[in-house]
Amino acid sequence: ELALVESKTVTGQTYMSEVTEKAVDINGYVKEEPTEQTITINVDGNVINFYYTKRTDLTYTVKYLEEGTDVEVAPSKVIENQTFNSTVTEQAIDIEGYTKVNPTETIVITTEKNEIIFYYKKIDGLTYTVKYLEKDTNVEVAPEKVVDGNVFGDIITEDAIDVEGYTKVEPTSQTITIAVENNEIIFYYTKRTDSEYTVNYLESLE
């Protein structure tokens, strides 16, 4: 049997006297009954044993944070009914748009605050495309624009460019939030209908 704390020896006891002891508090353990015992002192063999079991009502929390911040990138979770001094290992979950800094963490359960924190970095190097199309036909009226080097979650605003011979269709300004893929802004145009032409009737100078 494992001694949880150093045993106590009390000297100078009188033969046939009675002594009473109470079980001490031990961090992380629950006292088993009886928690108080009385014995009559004999010449030898005077031993009182108290028994304990490990606490099984402890918890730990797992948090998912953006690196260098306290911003949660996923809801934290609490795991209950943990045993004192047990070892637990958690794996970082997959979160779209982020890479894991520390994929695995292990802790030993204590009676204090038990916490595992996983850190994440935003994915960078993402692209977005801006297209300029004729309404209804989807014919390109100007070359598309591709912009790279963007970070997940960036907010991007683009304005429709002027294209000769065409009128911009509302909205002429658009904002998107950069995702892992399919980042696209499309502006539509219609052919101008306000042009005119002139016919001249001239005397020939022959």
N, C-alpha and C. Protein backbone atom coordinates (compact mmCIF):
# COMPACT_ATOMS: atom_id res chain seq x y z
N GLU A 1 0.84 -1.20 0.00
CA GLU A 1 0.00 0.00 0.00
C GLU A 1 0.87 1.25 0.00
N LEU A 2 0.49 2.22 -0.81
CA LEU A 2 1.29 3.42 -0.99
C LEU A 2 0.96 4.45 0.07
N ALA A 3 2.00 4.96 0.76
CA ALA A 3 1.81 6.02 1.74
C ALA A 3 1.69 7.35 1.00
N LEU A 4 0.60 8.06 1.24
CA LEU A 4 0.37 9.32 0.53
C LEU A 4 1.08 10.49 1.17
N VAL A 5 1.20 10.46 2.49
CA VAL A 5 1.99 11.46 3.21
C VAL A 5 2.82 10.71 4.25
N GLU A 6 3.80 11.39 4.82
CA GLU A 6 4.67 10.74 5.82
C GLU A 6 3.84 10.35 7.05
N SER A 7 4.08 9.13 7.52
CA SER A 7 3.32 8.66 8.68
C SER A 7 3.73 9.43 9.94
N LYS A 8 2.86 9.39 10.95
CA LYS A 8 3.07 10.13 12.19
C LYS A 8 3.27 9.13 13.33
N THR A 9 4.29 9.33 14.10
CA THR A 9 4.54 8.49 15.28
C THR A 9 4.45 9.36 16.53
N VAL A 10 3.61 8.93 17.49
CA VAL A 10 3.43 9.70 18.72
C VAL A 10 4.02 8.86 19.87
N THR A 11 5.01 9.38 20.57
CA THR A 11 5.69 8.63 21.65
C THR A 11 5.12 9.04 23.01
N GLY A 12 5.57 8.32 24.05
CA GLY A 12 5.19 8.67 25.43
C GLY A 12 3.77 8.31 25.78
N GLN A 13 3.25 7.25 25.14
CA GLN A 13 1.86 6.86 25.40
C GLN A 13 1.78 5.87 26.59
N THR A 14 0.68 5.95 27.34
CA THR A 14 0.49 5.11 28.54
C THR A 14 -0.26 3.84 28.17
N TYR A 15 0.27 2.72 28.66
CA TYR A 15 -0.34 1.40 28.43
C TYR A 15 -1.81 1.41 28.86
N MET A 16 -2.68 0.89 27.95
CA MET A 16 -4.12 0.74 28.15
C MET A 16 -4.91 2.06 28.11
N SER A 17 -4.22 3.14 27.73
CA SER A 17 -4.97 4.40 27.54
C SER A 17 -5.58 4.41 26.14
N GLU A 18 -6.60 5.23 25.97
CA GLU A 18 -7.24 5.33 24.67
C GLU A 18 -6.78 6.59 23.94
N VAL A 19 -6.56 6.45 22.64
CA VAL A 19 -6.21 7.61 21.82
C VAL A 19 -7.12 7.62 20.59
N THR A 20 -7.44 8.81 20.19
CA THR A 20 -8.30 8.99 19.01
C THR A 20 -7.56 9.84 17.98
N GLU A 21 -7.61 9.41 16.72
CA GLU A 21 -6.99 10.18 15.62
C GLU A 21 -8.02 10.41 14.53
N LYS A 22 -7.86 11.52 13.83
CA LYS A 22 -8.70 11.84 12.67
C LYS A 22 -7.86 11.83 11.40
N ALA A 23 -8.45 11.37 10.32
CA ALA A 23 -7.75 11.37 9.04
C ALA A 23 -7.47 12.81 8.61
N VAL A 24 -6.23 13.04 8.14
CA VAL A 24 -5.86 14.38 7.68
C VAL A 24 -6.38 14.60 6.26
N ASP A 25 -6.47 15.86 5.86
CA ASP A 25 -6.82 16.19 4.48
C ASP A 25 -5.58 16.00 3.59
N ILE A 26 -5.77 15.34 2.47
CA ILE A 26 -4.67 15.16 1.51
C ILE A 26 -5.16 15.65 0.15
N ASN A 27 -4.42 16.58 -0.41
CA ASN A 27 -4.82 17.19 -1.68
C ASN A 27 -5.00 16.14 -2.77
N GLY A 28 -6.15 16.19 -3.43
CA GLY A 28 -6.42 15.27 -4.54
C GLY A 28 -7.05 13.96 -4.13
N TYR A 29 -7.28 13.78 -2.84
CA TYR A 29 -7.81 12.51 -2.35
C TYR A 29 -9.06 12.72 -1.49
N VAL A 30 -9.89 11.68 -1.46
CA VAL A 30 -11.10 11.67 -0.63
C VAL A 30 -10.90 10.65 0.49
N LYS A 31 -11.25 11.04 1.72
CA LYS A 31 -11.12 10.13 2.86
C LYS A 31 -12.20 9.04 2.79
N GLU A 32 -11.80 7.82 3.06
CA GLU A 32 -12.78 6.73 3.19
C GLU A 32 -13.19 6.60 4.66
N GLU A 33 -14.40 6.17 4.86
CA GLU A 33 -14.85 5.91 6.24
C GLU A 33 -14.14 4.66 6.78
N PRO A 34 -13.83 4.60 8.07
CA PRO A 34 -14.02 5.67 9.05
C PRO A 34 -12.93 6.74 8.94
N THR A 35 -13.30 7.99 9.14
CA THR A 35 -12.32 9.08 9.10
C THR A 35 -11.83 9.44 10.50
N GLU A 36 -12.34 8.71 11.51
CA GLU A 36 -11.86 8.89 12.89
C GLU A 36 -11.78 7.51 13.54
N GLN A 37 -10.67 7.24 14.23
CA GLN A 37 -10.50 5.93 14.87
C GLN A 37 -9.93 6.10 16.29
N THR A 38 -10.39 5.19 17.17
CA THR A 38 -9.89 5.16 18.55
C THR A 38 -9.28 3.78 18.82
N ILE A 39 -8.08 3.76 19.40
CA ILE A 39 -7.46 2.48 19.78
C ILE A 39 -7.03 2.56 21.25
N THR A 40 -6.87 1.35 21.84
CA THR A 40 -6.33 1.24 23.21
C THR A 40 -4.86 0.86 23.09
N ILE A 41 -4.01 1.61 23.74
CA ILE A 41 -2.56 1.41 23.62
C ILE A 41 -2.15 0.07 24.24
N ASN A 42 -1.50 -0.77 23.43
CA ASN A 42 -0.90 -2.02 23.89
C ASN A 42 0.61 -1.85 23.93
N VAL A 43 1.28 -2.94 24.29
CA VAL A 43 2.74 -2.87 24.38
C VAL A 43 3.34 -2.63 22.99
N ASP A 44 2.76 -3.27 21.98
CA ASP A 44 3.22 -3.02 20.61
C ASP A 44 2.03 -3.21 19.65
N GLY A 45 2.30 -2.97 18.36
CA GLY A 45 1.25 -3.15 17.35
C GLY A 45 0.21 -2.05 17.36
N ASN A 46 0.58 -0.90 17.87
CA ASN A 46 -0.38 0.21 17.92
C ASN A 46 -0.33 0.97 16.58
N VAL A 47 -1.21 0.64 15.68
CA VAL A 47 -1.22 1.24 14.34
C VAL A 47 -2.65 1.65 13.98
N ILE A 48 -2.76 2.83 13.48
CA ILE A 48 -4.04 3.30 12.91
C ILE A 48 -3.82 3.55 11.42
N ASN A 49 -4.66 2.96 10.59
CA ASN A 49 -4.59 3.18 9.14
C ASN A 49 -5.84 3.93 8.68
N PHE A 50 -5.61 4.98 7.93
CA PHE A 50 -6.70 5.67 7.25
C PHE A 50 -6.53 5.46 5.74
N TYR A 51 -7.64 5.26 5.05
CA TYR A 51 -7.57 4.97 3.61
C TYR A 51 -8.20 6.11 2.80
N TYR A 52 -7.64 6.28 1.61
CA TYR A 52 -8.05 7.38 0.72
C TYR A 52 -8.23 6.86 -0.71
N THR A 53 -9.09 7.52 -1.44
CA THR A 53 -9.20 7.26 -2.88
C THR A 53 -8.97 8.57 -3.63
N LYS A 54 -8.48 8.45 -4.85
CA LYS A 54 -8.23 9.63 -5.67
C LYS A 54 -9.55 10.30 -6.03
N ARG A 55 -9.54 11.63 -6.08
CA ARG A 55 -10.71 12.37 -6.53
C ARG A 55 -10.99 12.07 -8.00
N THR A 56 -12.26 11.93 -8.33
CA THR A 56 -12.65 11.67 -9.72
C THR A 56 -13.65 12.72 -10.21
N ASP A 57 -13.69 13.85 -9.51
CA ASP A 57 -14.65 14.91 -9.84
C ASP A 57 -13.96 16.14 -10.43
N LEU A 58 -12.78 15.95 -10.98
CA LEU A 58 -12.00 17.09 -11.49
C LEU A 58 -12.30 17.31 -12.98
N THR A 59 -11.96 18.49 -13.46
CA THR A 59 -12.23 18.83 -14.86
C THR A 59 -10.98 19.43 -15.51
N TYR A 60 -10.98 19.41 -16.84
CA TYR A 60 -10.00 20.21 -17.57
C TYR A 60 -10.68 20.89 -18.75
N THR A 61 -10.10 21.99 -19.17
CA THR A 61 -10.65 22.81 -20.25
C THR A 61 -9.68 22.80 -21.43
N VAL A 62 -10.24 22.72 -22.63
CA VAL A 62 -9.43 22.82 -23.85
C VAL A 62 -9.85 24.10 -24.58
N LYS A 63 -8.86 24.94 -24.89
CA LYS A 63 -9.14 26.19 -25.60
C LYS A 63 -8.42 26.19 -26.95
N TYR A 64 -9.02 26.91 -27.90
CA TYR A 64 -8.47 27.01 -29.26
C TYR A 64 -8.32 28.51 -29.56
N LEU A 65 -7.08 29.01 -29.54
CA LEU A 65 -6.84 30.45 -29.64
C LEU A 65 -5.97 30.79 -30.85
N GLU A 66 -6.21 31.99 -31.39
CA GLU A 66 -5.31 32.51 -32.42
C GLU A 66 -3.99 32.87 -31.75
N GLU A 67 -2.89 32.47 -32.36
CA GLU A 67 -1.56 32.67 -31.75
C GLU A 67 -1.33 34.14 -31.43
N GLY A 68 -0.82 34.38 -30.22
CA GLY A 68 -0.49 35.73 -29.80
C GLY A 68 -1.68 36.55 -29.34
N THR A 69 -2.86 35.92 -29.26
CA THR A 69 -4.06 36.64 -28.83
C THR A 69 -4.87 35.78 -27.86
N ASP A 70 -5.95 36.36 -27.35
CA ASP A 70 -6.91 35.60 -26.55
C ASP A 70 -8.18 35.32 -27.35
N VAL A 71 -8.08 35.48 -28.68
CA VAL A 71 -9.25 35.31 -29.54
C VAL A 71 -9.51 33.83 -29.78
N GLU A 72 -10.71 33.37 -29.44
CA GLU A 72 -11.08 31.98 -29.67
C GLU A 72 -11.42 31.77 -31.14
N VAL A 73 -10.80 30.75 -31.75
CA VAL A 73 -11.12 30.42 -33.15
C VAL A 73 -12.08 29.25 -33.23
N ALA A 74 -12.40 28.66 -32.08
CA ALA A 74 -13.43 27.61 -31.96
C ALA A 74 -13.87 27.62 -30.50
N PRO A 75 -15.10 27.16 -30.22
CA PRO A 75 -15.57 27.14 -28.83
C PRO A 75 -14.72 26.21 -27.96
N SER A 76 -14.44 26.65 -26.74
CA SER A 76 -13.69 25.80 -25.81
C SER A 76 -14.59 24.66 -25.32
N LYS A 77 -13.95 23.62 -24.77
CA LYS A 77 -14.74 22.50 -24.23
C LYS A 77 -14.22 22.15 -22.84
N VAL A 78 -15.13 21.63 -22.00
CA VAL A 78 -14.79 21.22 -20.64
C VAL A 78 -15.04 19.72 -20.53
N ILE A 79 -14.03 19.00 -20.05
CA ILE A 79 -14.15 17.54 -19.87
C ILE A 79 -14.21 17.27 -18.37
N GLU A 80 -15.28 16.60 -17.95
CA GLU A 80 -15.53 16.38 -16.52
C GLU A 80 -15.13 14.96 -16.09
N ASN A 81 -15.31 14.71 -14.79
CA ASN A 81 -15.09 13.38 -14.19
C ASN A 81 -13.68 12.85 -14.40
N GLN A 82 -12.71 13.74 -14.20
CA GLN A 82 -11.31 13.36 -14.35
C GLN A 82 -10.72 12.95 -13.01
N THR A 83 -9.78 12.01 -13.07
CA THR A 83 -9.15 11.45 -11.87
C THR A 83 -7.86 12.20 -11.54
N PHE A 84 -7.72 12.52 -10.27
CA PHE A 84 -6.52 13.21 -9.80
C PHE A 84 -5.25 12.47 -10.22
N ASN A 85 -4.27 13.24 -10.71
CA ASN A 85 -2.94 12.74 -11.06
C ASN A 85 -2.94 11.86 -12.32
N SER A 86 -4.08 11.80 -13.02
CA SER A 86 -4.08 11.04 -14.28
C SER A 86 -3.53 11.92 -15.40
N THR A 87 -3.07 11.27 -16.46
CA THR A 87 -2.49 11.97 -17.61
C THR A 87 -3.51 11.98 -18.75
N VAL A 88 -3.75 13.14 -19.33
CA VAL A 88 -4.67 13.24 -20.47
C VAL A 88 -3.96 13.89 -21.65
N THR A 89 -4.27 13.41 -22.84
CA THR A 89 -3.71 13.95 -24.08
C THR A 89 -4.85 14.37 -24.99
N GLU A 90 -4.70 15.55 -25.58
CA GLU A 90 -5.70 16.06 -26.52
C GLU A 90 -5.02 16.39 -27.85
N GLN A 91 -5.80 16.24 -28.94
CA GLN A 91 -5.34 16.61 -30.28
C GLN A 91 -6.03 17.90 -30.69
N ALA A 92 -5.29 18.79 -31.33
CA ALA A 92 -5.88 20.02 -31.85
C ALA A 92 -6.87 19.67 -32.96
N ILE A 93 -8.02 20.32 -32.96
CA ILE A 93 -9.02 20.08 -33.99
C ILE A 93 -8.65 20.85 -35.26
N ASP A 94 -9.23 20.44 -36.39
CA ASP A 94 -9.04 21.17 -37.65
C ASP A 94 -9.98 22.37 -37.67
N ILE A 95 -9.43 23.52 -38.02
CA ILE A 95 -10.24 24.74 -38.13
C ILE A 95 -9.94 25.39 -39.48
N GLU A 96 -10.99 25.57 -40.27
CA GLU A 96 -10.81 26.11 -41.62
C GLU A 96 -10.14 27.47 -41.58
N GLY A 97 -9.12 27.63 -42.43
CA GLY A 97 -8.43 28.90 -42.53
C GLY A 97 -7.25 29.05 -41.59
N TYR A 98 -7.01 28.03 -40.77
CA TYR A 98 -5.93 28.11 -39.77
C TYR A 98 -5.04 26.87 -39.83
N THR A 99 -3.78 27.05 -39.47
CA THR A 99 -2.86 25.92 -39.28
C THR A 99 -2.57 25.78 -37.79
N LYS A 100 -2.34 24.54 -37.35
CA LYS A 100 -2.10 24.25 -35.93
C LYS A 100 -0.63 24.56 -35.60
N VAL A 101 -0.44 25.28 -34.50
CA VAL A 101 0.92 25.55 -34.02
C VAL A 101 1.41 24.37 -33.17
N ASN A 102 0.53 23.86 -32.30
CA ASN A 102 0.87 22.73 -31.42
C ASN A 102 -0.21 21.66 -31.55
N PRO A 103 0.00 20.65 -32.38
CA PRO A 103 -1.06 19.68 -32.69
C PRO A 103 -1.47 18.78 -31.52
N THR A 104 -0.55 18.51 -30.57
CA THR A 104 -0.84 17.60 -29.46
C THR A 104 -0.36 18.22 -28.14
N GLU A 105 -1.16 18.06 -27.10
CA GLU A 105 -0.77 18.54 -25.77
C GLU A 105 -1.16 17.50 -24.72
N THR A 106 -0.31 17.36 -23.69
CA THR A 106 -0.56 16.42 -22.60
C THR A 106 -0.41 17.16 -21.26
N ILE A 107 -1.35 16.90 -20.33
CA ILE A 107 -1.23 17.46 -18.99
C ILE A 107 -1.53 16.38 -17.96
N VAL A 108 -1.10 16.64 -16.72
CA VAL A 108 -1.44 15.79 -15.59
C VAL A 108 -2.50 16.52 -14.76
N ILE A 109 -3.58 15.82 -14.43
CA ILE A 109 -4.71 16.43 -13.73
C ILE A 109 -4.34 16.76 -12.29
N THR A 110 -4.55 18.04 -11.93
CA THR A 110 -4.30 18.49 -10.56
C THR A 110 -5.63 18.98 -9.97
N THR A 111 -5.57 19.46 -8.73
CA THR A 111 -6.78 20.03 -8.12
C THR A 111 -6.89 21.52 -8.44
N GLU A 112 -5.91 22.04 -9.18
CA GLU A 112 -5.95 23.44 -9.57
C GLU A 112 -6.62 23.56 -10.94
N LYS A 113 -6.35 24.67 -11.64
CA LYS A 113 -6.91 24.92 -12.97
C LYS A 113 -6.19 24.04 -13.99
N ASN A 114 -6.93 23.12 -14.59
CA ASN A 114 -6.37 22.23 -15.61
C ASN A 114 -6.77 22.74 -16.98
N GLU A 115 -5.78 23.13 -17.78
CA GLU A 115 -6.10 23.78 -19.05
C GLU A 115 -5.13 23.36 -20.14
N ILE A 116 -5.68 23.06 -21.30
CA ILE A 116 -4.88 22.81 -22.49
C ILE A 116 -5.24 23.89 -23.49
N ILE A 117 -4.22 24.57 -24.04
CA ILE A 117 -4.46 25.62 -25.03
C ILE A 117 -3.78 25.24 -26.33
N PHE A 118 -4.57 25.19 -27.39
CA PHE A 118 -4.03 24.99 -28.73
C PHE A 118 -4.01 26.34 -29.44
N TYR A 119 -2.87 26.61 -30.10
CA TYR A 119 -2.72 27.87 -30.83
C TYR A 119 -2.78 27.63 -32.34
N TYR A 120 -3.31 28.63 -33.03
CA TYR A 120 -3.51 28.53 -34.48
C TYR A 120 -3.01 29.80 -35.17
N LYS A 121 -2.52 29.60 -36.41
CA LYS A 121 -2.11 30.73 -37.25
C LYS A 121 -3.04 30.82 -38.45
N LYS A 122 -3.37 32.05 -38.85
CA LYS A 122 -4.17 32.22 -40.06
C LYS A 122 -3.35 31.80 -41.28
N ILE A 123 -4.01 31.14 -42.23
CA ILE A 123 -3.36 30.77 -43.49
C ILE A 123 -3.15 32.04 -44.31
N ASP A 124 -1.95 32.16 -44.89
CA ASP A 124 -1.69 33.32 -45.75
C ASP A 124 -1.39 32.84 -47.17
N GLY A 125 -1.03 33.78 -48.04
CA GLY A 125 -0.74 33.42 -49.42
C GLY A 125 -1.98 33.09 -50.24
N LEU A 126 -3.14 33.57 -49.80
CA LEU A 126 -4.40 33.28 -50.50
C LEU A 126 -4.66 34.33 -51.60
N THR A 127 -5.41 33.94 -52.61
CA THR A 127 -5.66 34.84 -53.74
C THR A 127 -7.14 35.18 -53.86
N TYR A 128 -7.39 36.31 -54.54
CA TYR A 128 -8.75 36.60 -54.97
C TYR A 128 -8.71 37.12 -56.41
N THR A 129 -9.84 36.94 -57.09
CA THR A 129 -9.95 37.31 -58.50
C THR A 129 -11.07 38.32 -58.68
N VAL A 130 -10.80 39.31 -59.52
CA VAL A 130 -11.84 40.28 -59.88
C VAL A 130 -12.13 40.12 -61.37
N LYS A 131 -13.40 39.90 -61.71
CA LYS A 131 -13.80 39.73 -63.11
C LYS A 131 -14.70 40.89 -63.54
N TYR A 132 -14.58 41.24 -64.81
CA TYR A 132 -15.36 42.33 -65.40
C TYR A 132 -16.13 41.75 -66.58
N LEU A 133 -17.44 41.53 -66.42
CA LEU A 133 -18.23 40.78 -67.40
C LEU A 133 -19.41 41.60 -67.92
N GLU A 134 -19.76 41.31 -69.19
CA GLU A 134 -20.98 41.90 -69.73
C GLU A 134 -22.17 41.18 -69.13
N LYS A 135 -23.14 41.97 -68.67
CA LYS A 135 -24.33 41.38 -68.06
C LYS A 135 -25.08 40.54 -69.09
N ASP A 136 -25.61 39.43 -68.65
CA ASP A 136 -26.40 38.49 -69.45
C ASP A 136 -25.56 37.59 -70.36
N THR A 137 -24.45 38.10 -70.90
CA THR A 137 -23.63 37.26 -71.79
C THR A 137 -22.42 36.67 -71.08
N ASN A 138 -21.98 37.31 -69.97
CA ASN A 138 -20.79 36.91 -69.21
C ASN A 138 -19.50 36.96 -70.05
N VAL A 139 -19.53 37.77 -71.10
CA VAL A 139 -18.32 37.99 -71.91
C VAL A 139 -17.42 38.96 -71.17
N GLU A 140 -16.11 38.66 -71.14
CA GLU A 140 -15.16 39.56 -70.48
C GLU A 140 -15.08 40.87 -71.24
N VAL A 141 -15.24 41.98 -70.52
CA VAL A 141 -15.08 43.29 -71.15
C VAL A 141 -13.73 43.91 -70.80
N ALA A 142 -13.01 43.28 -69.88
CA ALA A 142 -11.65 43.69 -69.50
C ALA A 142 -10.98 42.48 -68.87
N PRO A 143 -9.63 42.40 -68.94
CA PRO A 143 -8.93 41.24 -68.36
C PRO A 143 -9.18 41.14 -66.85
N GLU A 144 -9.34 39.91 -66.38
CA GLU A 144 -9.54 39.72 -64.94
C GLU A 144 -8.28 40.07 -64.18
N LYS A 145 -8.46 40.40 -62.90
CA LYS A 145 -7.33 40.78 -62.03
C LYS A 145 -7.20 39.72 -60.94
N VAL A 146 -5.99 39.21 -60.73
CA VAL A 146 -5.72 38.22 -59.67
C VAL A 146 -4.76 38.87 -58.67
N VAL A 147 -5.16 38.86 -57.40
CA VAL A 147 -4.34 39.45 -56.33
C VAL A 147 -3.98 38.36 -55.33
N ASP A 148 -2.68 38.12 -55.13
CA ASP A 148 -2.28 37.07 -54.17
C ASP A 148 -1.67 37.69 -52.92
N GLY A 149 -1.22 36.81 -52.00
CA GLY A 149 -0.59 37.28 -50.77
C GLY A 149 -1.57 37.75 -49.71
N ASN A 150 -2.82 37.27 -49.79
CA ASN A 150 -3.82 37.68 -48.79
C ASN A 150 -3.89 36.68 -47.64
N VAL A 151 -4.32 37.17 -46.48
CA VAL A 151 -4.42 36.35 -45.27
C VAL A 151 -5.88 36.00 -45.01
N PHE A 152 -6.11 34.76 -44.58
CA PHE A 152 -7.47 34.31 -44.24
C PHE A 152 -8.15 35.32 -43.31
N GLY A 153 -9.38 35.69 -43.67
CA GLY A 153 -10.12 36.63 -42.83
C GLY A 153 -9.93 38.09 -43.19
N ASP A 154 -8.96 38.38 -44.09
CA ASP A 154 -8.80 39.77 -44.54
C ASP A 154 -10.09 40.26 -45.19
N ILE A 155 -10.38 41.53 -45.02
CA ILE A 155 -11.55 42.14 -45.67
C ILE A 155 -11.05 42.99 -46.83
N ILE A 156 -11.53 42.67 -48.03
CA ILE A 156 -11.05 43.30 -49.25
C ILE A 156 -12.19 44.06 -49.92
N THR A 157 -11.93 45.28 -50.35
CA THR A 157 -12.91 46.06 -51.11
C THR A 157 -12.33 46.41 -52.48
N GLU A 158 -13.12 46.19 -53.52
CA GLU A 158 -12.72 46.52 -54.88
C GLU A 158 -13.79 47.39 -55.52
N ASP A 159 -13.35 48.28 -56.43
CA ASP A 159 -14.27 49.12 -57.20
C ASP A 159 -14.21 48.73 -58.67
N ALA A 160 -15.37 48.78 -59.31
CA ALA A 160 -15.43 48.48 -60.74
C ALA A 160 -14.60 49.50 -61.51
N ILE A 161 -13.84 49.03 -62.51
CA ILE A 161 -13.02 49.93 -63.32
C ILE A 161 -13.88 50.51 -64.46
N ASP A 162 -13.38 51.57 -65.04
CA ASP A 162 -14.05 52.14 -66.22
C ASP A 162 -13.64 51.33 -67.44
N VAL A 163 -14.62 50.94 -68.24
CA VAL A 163 -14.36 50.20 -69.48
C VAL A 163 -15.00 50.98 -70.63
N GLU A 164 -14.17 51.34 -71.61
CA GLU A 164 -14.66 52.15 -72.73
C GLU A 164 -15.81 51.45 -73.44
N GLY A 165 -16.87 52.17 -73.67
CA GLY A 165 -18.02 51.64 -74.39
C GLY A 165 -19.03 50.94 -73.51
N TYR A 166 -18.76 50.89 -72.22
CA TYR A 166 -19.65 50.16 -71.31
C TYR A 166 -20.03 51.02 -70.10
N THR A 167 -21.18 50.71 -69.55
CA THR A 167 -21.65 51.36 -68.32
C THR A 167 -21.64 50.33 -67.19
N LYS A 168 -21.18 50.75 -66.02
CA LYS A 168 -21.13 49.86 -64.86
C LYS A 168 -22.53 49.60 -64.32
N VAL A 169 -22.77 48.34 -63.93
CA VAL A 169 -24.04 47.96 -63.30
C VAL A 169 -23.82 47.95 -61.78
N GLU A 170 -24.77 48.51 -61.04
CA GLU A 170 -24.65 48.49 -59.57
C GLU A 170 -24.71 47.04 -59.06
N PRO A 171 -23.99 46.69 -57.98
CA PRO A 171 -23.09 47.55 -57.21
C PRO A 171 -21.74 47.73 -57.92
N THR A 172 -21.22 48.93 -57.83
CA THR A 172 -19.93 49.22 -58.47
C THR A 172 -18.77 49.12 -57.47
N SER A 173 -19.10 48.78 -56.21
CA SER A 173 -18.08 48.52 -55.18
C SER A 173 -18.51 47.28 -54.41
N GLN A 174 -17.56 46.37 -54.18
CA GLN A 174 -17.90 45.13 -53.46
C GLN A 174 -16.82 44.82 -52.42
N THR A 175 -17.28 44.22 -51.32
CA THR A 175 -16.37 43.82 -50.23
C THR A 175 -16.54 42.33 -49.97
N ILE A 176 -15.43 41.63 -49.85
CA ILE A 176 -15.46 40.21 -49.48
C ILE A 176 -14.49 39.95 -48.33
N THR A 177 -14.74 38.86 -47.62
CA THR A 177 -13.81 38.38 -46.59
C THR A 177 -13.07 37.19 -47.16
N ILE A 178 -11.74 37.23 -47.09
CA ILE A 178 -10.92 36.20 -47.73
C ILE A 178 -11.15 34.84 -47.07
N ALA A 179 -11.54 33.87 -47.89
CA ALA A 179 -11.70 32.48 -47.46
C ALA A 179 -10.52 31.67 -47.98
N VAL A 180 -10.54 30.36 -47.70
CA VAL A 180 -9.42 29.51 -48.14
C VAL A 180 -9.41 29.39 -49.67
N GLU A 181 -10.60 29.41 -50.27
CA GLU A 181 -10.66 29.31 -51.74
C GLU A 181 -11.92 30.00 -52.24
N ASN A 182 -12.03 30.06 -53.58
CA ASN A 182 -13.21 30.65 -54.25
C ASN A 182 -13.45 32.10 -53.86
N ASN A 183 -12.36 32.87 -53.79
CA ASN A 183 -12.50 34.29 -53.51
C ASN A 183 -12.66 35.03 -54.84
N GLU A 184 -13.88 35.50 -55.11
CA GLU A 184 -14.16 36.09 -56.42
C GLU A 184 -15.09 37.27 -56.29
N ILE A 185 -14.75 38.32 -57.02
CA ILE A 185 -15.62 39.50 -57.13
C ILE A 185 -15.94 39.66 -58.61
N ILE A 186 -17.23 39.82 -58.93
CA ILE A 186 -17.63 40.01 -60.33
C ILE A 186 -18.37 41.34 -60.45
N PHE A 187 -17.88 42.16 -61.39
CA PHE A 187 -18.58 43.39 -61.74
C PHE A 187 -19.21 43.21 -63.12
N TYR A 188 -20.45 43.71 -63.27
CA TYR A 188 -21.17 43.57 -64.53
C TYR A 188 -21.29 44.92 -65.24
N TYR A 189 -21.34 44.82 -66.56
CA TYR A 189 -21.39 46.01 -67.43
C TYR A 189 -22.44 45.81 -68.51
N THR A 190 -22.99 46.92 -68.95
CA THR A 190 -23.86 46.89 -70.14
C THR A 190 -23.28 47.84 -71.18
N LYS A 191 -23.54 47.53 -72.45
CA LYS A 191 -23.06 48.40 -73.53
C LYS A 191 -23.74 49.76 -73.42
N ARG A 192 -22.97 50.81 -73.68
CA ARG A 192 -23.54 52.16 -73.66
C ARG A 192 -24.56 52.32 -74.77
N THR A 193 -25.61 53.03 -74.46
CA THR A 193 -26.66 53.28 -75.47
C THR A 193 -26.86 54.78 -75.68
N ASP A 194 -25.88 55.57 -75.27
CA ASP A 194 -26.02 57.03 -75.39
C ASP A 194 -25.07 57.61 -76.45
N SER A 195 -24.55 56.72 -77.29
CA SER A 195 -23.68 57.22 -78.35
C SER A 195 -24.55 57.76 -79.50
N GLU A 196 -23.95 58.53 -80.38
CA GLU A 196 -24.67 59.10 -81.51
C GLU A 196 -23.78 59.10 -82.74
N TYR A 197 -24.40 59.27 -83.86
CA TYR A 197 -23.59 59.47 -85.06
C TYR A 197 -24.19 60.60 -85.88
N THR A 198 -23.36 61.16 -86.74
CA THR A 198 -23.74 62.33 -87.54
C THR A 198 -23.61 61.99 -89.01
N VAL A 199 -24.57 62.48 -89.81
CA VAL A 199 -24.51 62.34 -91.26
C VAL A 199 -24.35 63.74 -91.85
N ASN A 200 -23.33 63.95 -92.63
CA ASN A 200 -23.11 65.23 -93.29
C ASN A 200 -23.45 65.12 -94.78
N TYR A 201 -24.04 66.17 -95.32
CA TYR A 201 -24.36 66.24 -96.76
C TYR A 201 -23.57 67.42 -97.32
N LEU A 202 -22.50 67.11 -98.04
CA LEU A 202 -21.53 68.16 -98.40
C LEU A 202 -21.49 68.35 -99.91
N GLU A 203 -21.28 69.58 -100.32
CA GLU A 203 -21.07 69.86 -101.76
C GLU A 203 -19.67 69.41 -102.13
N SER A 204 -19.60 68.65 -103.21
CA SER A 204 -18.30 68.18 -103.67
C SER A 204 -17.59 69.31 -104.37
N LEU A 205 -16.35 69.51 -104.04
CA LEU A 205 -15.56 70.61 -104.63
C LEU A 205 -14.74 70.08 -105.79
N GLU A 206 -15.41 69.81 -106.91
CA GLU A 206 -14.72 69.31 -108.09
C GLU A 206 -14.58 70.41 -109.11
